[in-house]
Amino acid sequence: MMAAFVEQEWGEKAYTFHRKIKALFDPKGLINPGVIINDDKEIHSKNLTLTPRQRIAVHKEIKRLKAKKRNLSLANFKKAMNMA
């Protein structure tokens, strides 16, 4: 489930009920902020991160470049990753 579509999936009545329950147990919004119950319909496209496999590949590439003592500028990194 994505926060932007939960209301469409569950319906307005169920979504409103879940929001009230969330507000009762977490009035300050500290537990999983922005997850599932969220007013921002674009939340699913914000704060994207790499997958664990992508992070490993990036860290390996950074180590490889450091071993060659290359300049780790963004342009050089993109070029090395064939992203230019």
N, C-alpha and C. Protein backbone atom coordinates (compact mmCIF):
# COMPACT_ATOMS: atom_id res chain seq x y z
N MET A 1 0.83 -1.19 0.00
CA MET A 1 0.00 0.00 0.00
C MET A 1 0.87 1.24 0.00
N MET A 2 0.47 2.20 -0.76
CA MET A 2 1.15 3.49 -0.77
C MET A 2 0.23 4.52 -0.15
N ALA A 3 0.81 5.41 0.62
CA ALA A 3 0.02 6.43 1.33
C ALA A 3 -0.92 7.19 0.40
N ALA A 4 -0.46 7.43 -0.81
CA ALA A 4 -1.27 8.23 -1.73
C ALA A 4 -2.54 7.51 -2.18
N PHE A 5 -2.58 6.20 -2.04
CA PHE A 5 -3.71 5.42 -2.56
C PHE A 5 -4.52 4.69 -1.50
N VAL A 6 -4.14 4.82 -0.24
CA VAL A 6 -4.83 4.09 0.83
C VAL A 6 -6.30 4.48 0.90
N GLU A 7 -6.58 5.76 0.82
CA GLU A 7 -7.98 6.21 0.89
C GLU A 7 -8.79 5.63 -0.27
N GLN A 8 -8.19 5.58 -1.45
CA GLN A 8 -8.89 5.00 -2.60
C GLN A 8 -9.12 3.50 -2.40
N GLU A 9 -8.15 2.81 -1.82
CA GLU A 9 -8.26 1.37 -1.61
C GLU A 9 -9.28 1.03 -0.52
N TRP A 10 -9.22 1.74 0.59
CA TRP A 10 -10.06 1.42 1.74
C TRP A 10 -11.41 2.11 1.70
N GLY A 11 -11.48 3.25 1.03
CA GLY A 11 -12.69 4.06 1.05
C GLY A 11 -12.57 5.16 2.10
N GLU A 12 -13.32 6.22 1.91
CA GLU A 12 -13.21 7.39 2.77
C GLU A 12 -13.55 7.08 4.23
N LYS A 13 -14.59 6.30 4.45
CA LYS A 13 -15.03 6.00 5.82
C LYS A 13 -13.95 5.23 6.61
N ALA A 14 -13.42 4.18 6.01
CA ALA A 14 -12.39 3.37 6.68
C ALA A 14 -11.11 4.18 6.87
N TYR A 15 -10.75 4.98 5.87
CA TYR A 15 -9.55 5.80 5.96
C TYR A 15 -9.67 6.81 7.10
N THR A 16 -10.82 7.46 7.20
CA THR A 16 -11.06 8.43 8.27
C THR A 16 -10.99 7.74 9.63
N PHE A 17 -11.55 6.55 9.74
CA PHE A 17 -11.51 5.77 10.98
C PHE A 17 -10.06 5.46 11.37
N HIS A 18 -9.24 5.03 10.41
CA HIS A 18 -7.84 4.72 10.68
C HIS A 18 -7.06 5.97 11.08
N ARG A 19 -7.36 7.09 10.48
CA ARG A 19 -6.70 8.35 10.86
C ARG A 19 -7.02 8.71 12.31
N LYS A 20 -8.27 8.50 12.73
CA LYS A 20 -8.66 8.80 14.11
C LYS A 20 -7.93 7.89 15.09
N ILE A 21 -7.84 6.62 14.76
CA ILE A 21 -7.12 5.67 15.61
C ILE A 21 -5.65 6.09 15.72
N LYS A 22 -5.03 6.42 14.57
CA LYS A 22 -3.63 6.85 14.56
C LYS A 22 -3.46 8.10 15.45
N ALA A 23 -4.39 9.05 15.36
CA ALA A 23 -4.31 10.28 16.16
C ALA A 23 -4.44 9.98 17.65
N LEU A 24 -5.24 9.00 18.02
CA LEU A 24 -5.40 8.63 19.43
C LEU A 24 -4.12 8.04 20.02
N PHE A 25 -3.49 7.13 19.27
CA PHE A 25 -2.32 6.43 19.77
C PHE A 25 -1.00 7.17 19.51
N ASP A 26 -1.01 8.08 18.56
CA ASP A 26 0.21 8.80 18.20
C ASP A 26 -0.13 10.26 17.86
N PRO A 27 -0.58 11.02 18.87
CA PRO A 27 -1.04 12.39 18.59
C PRO A 27 0.03 13.32 18.03
N LYS A 28 1.30 13.05 18.30
CA LYS A 28 2.38 13.90 17.79
C LYS A 28 2.93 13.40 16.46
N GLY A 29 2.43 12.27 15.98
CA GLY A 29 2.88 11.73 14.69
C GLY A 29 4.32 11.26 14.70
N LEU A 30 4.76 10.70 15.82
CA LEU A 30 6.15 10.27 15.96
C LEU A 30 6.40 8.86 15.42
N ILE A 31 5.38 8.02 15.44
CA ILE A 31 5.54 6.63 15.01
C ILE A 31 5.33 6.55 13.50
N ASN A 32 6.36 6.14 12.77
CA ASN A 32 6.30 6.01 11.31
C ASN A 32 5.66 7.22 10.63
N PRO A 33 6.22 8.39 10.80
CA PRO A 33 5.62 9.57 10.18
C PRO A 33 5.55 9.43 8.65
N GLY A 34 4.39 9.71 8.09
CA GLY A 34 4.22 9.67 6.65
C GLY A 34 4.01 8.31 6.05
N VAL A 35 3.97 7.27 6.88
CA VAL A 35 3.80 5.92 6.37
C VAL A 35 2.32 5.54 6.41
N ILE A 36 1.81 5.01 5.33
CA ILE A 36 0.43 4.56 5.15
C ILE A 36 -0.59 5.69 5.30
N ILE A 37 -0.73 6.24 6.48
CA ILE A 37 -1.71 7.31 6.72
C ILE A 37 -0.98 8.64 6.54
N ASN A 38 -1.30 9.34 5.46
CA ASN A 38 -0.59 10.58 5.15
C ASN A 38 -1.46 11.47 4.28
N ASP A 39 -1.47 12.76 4.59
CA ASP A 39 -2.24 13.72 3.79
C ASP A 39 -1.55 14.07 2.48
N ASP A 40 -0.24 13.88 2.41
CA ASP A 40 0.52 14.24 1.22
C ASP A 40 0.34 13.17 0.15
N LYS A 41 -0.37 13.50 -0.91
CA LYS A 41 -0.65 12.54 -1.98
C LYS A 41 0.58 12.26 -2.84
N GLU A 42 1.65 13.01 -2.66
CA GLU A 42 2.88 12.82 -3.44
C GLU A 42 4.00 12.18 -2.61
N ILE A 43 3.69 11.72 -1.40
CA ILE A 43 4.71 11.19 -0.50
C ILE A 43 5.47 10.00 -1.10
N HIS A 44 4.79 9.22 -1.94
CA HIS A 44 5.42 8.03 -2.52
C HIS A 44 6.57 8.37 -3.46
N SER A 45 6.66 9.61 -3.91
CA SER A 45 7.73 9.98 -4.83
C SER A 45 8.79 10.87 -4.17
N LYS A 46 8.72 11.03 -2.86
CA LYS A 46 9.68 11.86 -2.14
C LYS A 46 10.65 10.98 -1.36
N ASN A 47 11.82 11.53 -1.10
CA ASN A 47 12.82 10.85 -0.28
C ASN A 47 13.13 9.43 -0.76
N LEU A 48 13.29 9.28 -2.06
CA LEU A 48 13.62 7.97 -2.60
C LEU A 48 15.04 7.62 -2.22
N THR A 49 15.26 6.36 -1.93
CA THR A 49 16.60 5.92 -1.54
C THR A 49 17.02 4.74 -2.42
N LEU A 50 18.26 4.37 -2.30
CA LEU A 50 18.78 3.22 -3.02
C LEU A 50 18.36 1.94 -2.33
N THR A 51 18.26 0.87 -3.09
CA THR A 51 18.00 -0.43 -2.49
C THR A 51 19.29 -0.89 -1.82
N PRO A 52 19.23 -1.88 -0.93
CA PRO A 52 20.46 -2.38 -0.31
C PRO A 52 21.49 -2.83 -1.35
N ARG A 53 21.04 -3.49 -2.40
CA ARG A 53 21.95 -3.95 -3.44
C ARG A 53 22.61 -2.77 -4.16
N GLN A 54 21.84 -1.72 -4.42
CA GLN A 54 22.40 -0.53 -5.07
C GLN A 54 23.41 0.16 -4.16
N ARG A 55 23.11 0.22 -2.85
CA ARG A 55 24.06 0.84 -1.91
C ARG A 55 25.38 0.08 -1.90
N ILE A 56 25.31 -1.24 -1.92
CA ILE A 56 26.53 -2.05 -1.93
C ILE A 56 27.34 -1.75 -3.19
N ALA A 57 26.68 -1.71 -4.34
CA ALA A 57 27.37 -1.43 -5.60
C ALA A 57 28.01 -0.05 -5.58
N VAL A 58 27.32 0.95 -5.05
CA VAL A 58 27.86 2.30 -4.99
C VAL A 58 29.08 2.34 -4.06
N HIS A 59 28.98 1.70 -2.89
CA HIS A 59 30.11 1.69 -1.96
C HIS A 59 31.32 0.97 -2.56
N LYS A 60 31.09 -0.12 -3.28
CA LYS A 60 32.19 -0.82 -3.94
C LYS A 60 32.85 0.06 -4.99
N GLU A 61 32.03 0.78 -5.75
CA GLU A 61 32.58 1.66 -6.78
C GLU A 61 33.37 2.80 -6.16
N ILE A 62 32.89 3.36 -5.07
CA ILE A 62 33.63 4.42 -4.39
C ILE A 62 34.98 3.90 -3.90
N LYS A 63 34.99 2.71 -3.32
CA LYS A 63 36.26 2.12 -2.86
C LYS A 63 37.20 1.89 -4.03
N ARG A 64 36.66 1.41 -5.16
CA ARG A 64 37.48 1.17 -6.34
C ARG A 64 38.11 2.48 -6.83
N LEU A 65 37.31 3.53 -6.86
CA LEU A 65 37.81 4.82 -7.31
C LEU A 65 38.85 5.39 -6.34
N LYS A 66 38.63 5.20 -5.04
CA LYS A 66 39.61 5.68 -4.06
C LYS A 66 40.93 4.93 -4.21
N ALA A 67 40.83 3.64 -4.49
CA ALA A 67 42.04 2.85 -4.67
C ALA A 67 42.85 3.35 -5.85
N LYS A 68 42.19 3.86 -6.86
CA LYS A 68 42.88 4.43 -8.02
C LYS A 68 43.24 5.89 -7.78
N LYS A 69 42.85 6.41 -6.61
CA LYS A 69 43.12 7.80 -6.23
C LYS A 69 42.60 8.77 -7.28
N ARG A 70 41.39 8.51 -7.74
CA ARG A 70 40.77 9.39 -8.73
C ARG A 70 39.97 10.46 -8.01
N ASN A 71 39.74 11.54 -8.69
CA ASN A 71 38.90 12.61 -8.17
C ASN A 71 37.46 12.10 -8.11
N LEU A 72 36.85 12.15 -6.92
CA LEU A 72 35.50 11.63 -6.75
C LEU A 72 34.44 12.70 -6.95
N SER A 73 34.62 13.55 -7.94
CA SER A 73 33.60 14.54 -8.22
C SER A 73 32.37 13.83 -8.75
N LEU A 74 31.24 14.48 -8.66
CA LEU A 74 29.99 13.88 -9.14
C LEU A 74 30.09 13.54 -10.62
N ALA A 75 30.67 14.42 -11.40
CA ALA A 75 30.80 14.18 -12.84
C ALA A 75 31.63 12.92 -13.11
N ASN A 76 32.77 12.77 -12.40
CA ASN A 76 33.61 11.59 -12.59
C ASN A 76 32.92 10.32 -12.11
N PHE A 77 32.19 10.43 -11.01
CA PHE A 77 31.47 9.27 -10.49
C PHE A 77 30.42 8.81 -11.49
N LYS A 78 29.64 9.76 -12.04
CA LYS A 78 28.62 9.42 -13.02
C LYS A 78 29.26 8.79 -14.26
N LYS A 79 30.40 9.34 -14.67
CA LYS A 79 31.10 8.81 -15.82
C LYS A 79 31.54 7.38 -15.55
N ALA A 80 32.09 7.14 -14.36
CA ALA A 80 32.55 5.80 -14.00
C ALA A 80 31.40 4.82 -13.91
N MET A 81 30.22 5.29 -13.53
CA MET A 81 29.05 4.42 -13.40
C MET A 81 28.24 4.37 -14.71
N ASN A 82 28.78 4.96 -15.77
CA ASN A 82 28.11 5.02 -17.07
C ASN A 82 26.75 5.71 -16.97
N MET A 83 26.69 6.76 -16.16
CA MET A 83 25.45 7.49 -15.96
C MET A 83 25.50 8.85 -16.65
N ALA A 84 26.62 9.19 -17.24
CA ALA A 84 26.78 10.53 -17.84
C ALA A 84 25.87 10.75 -19.01
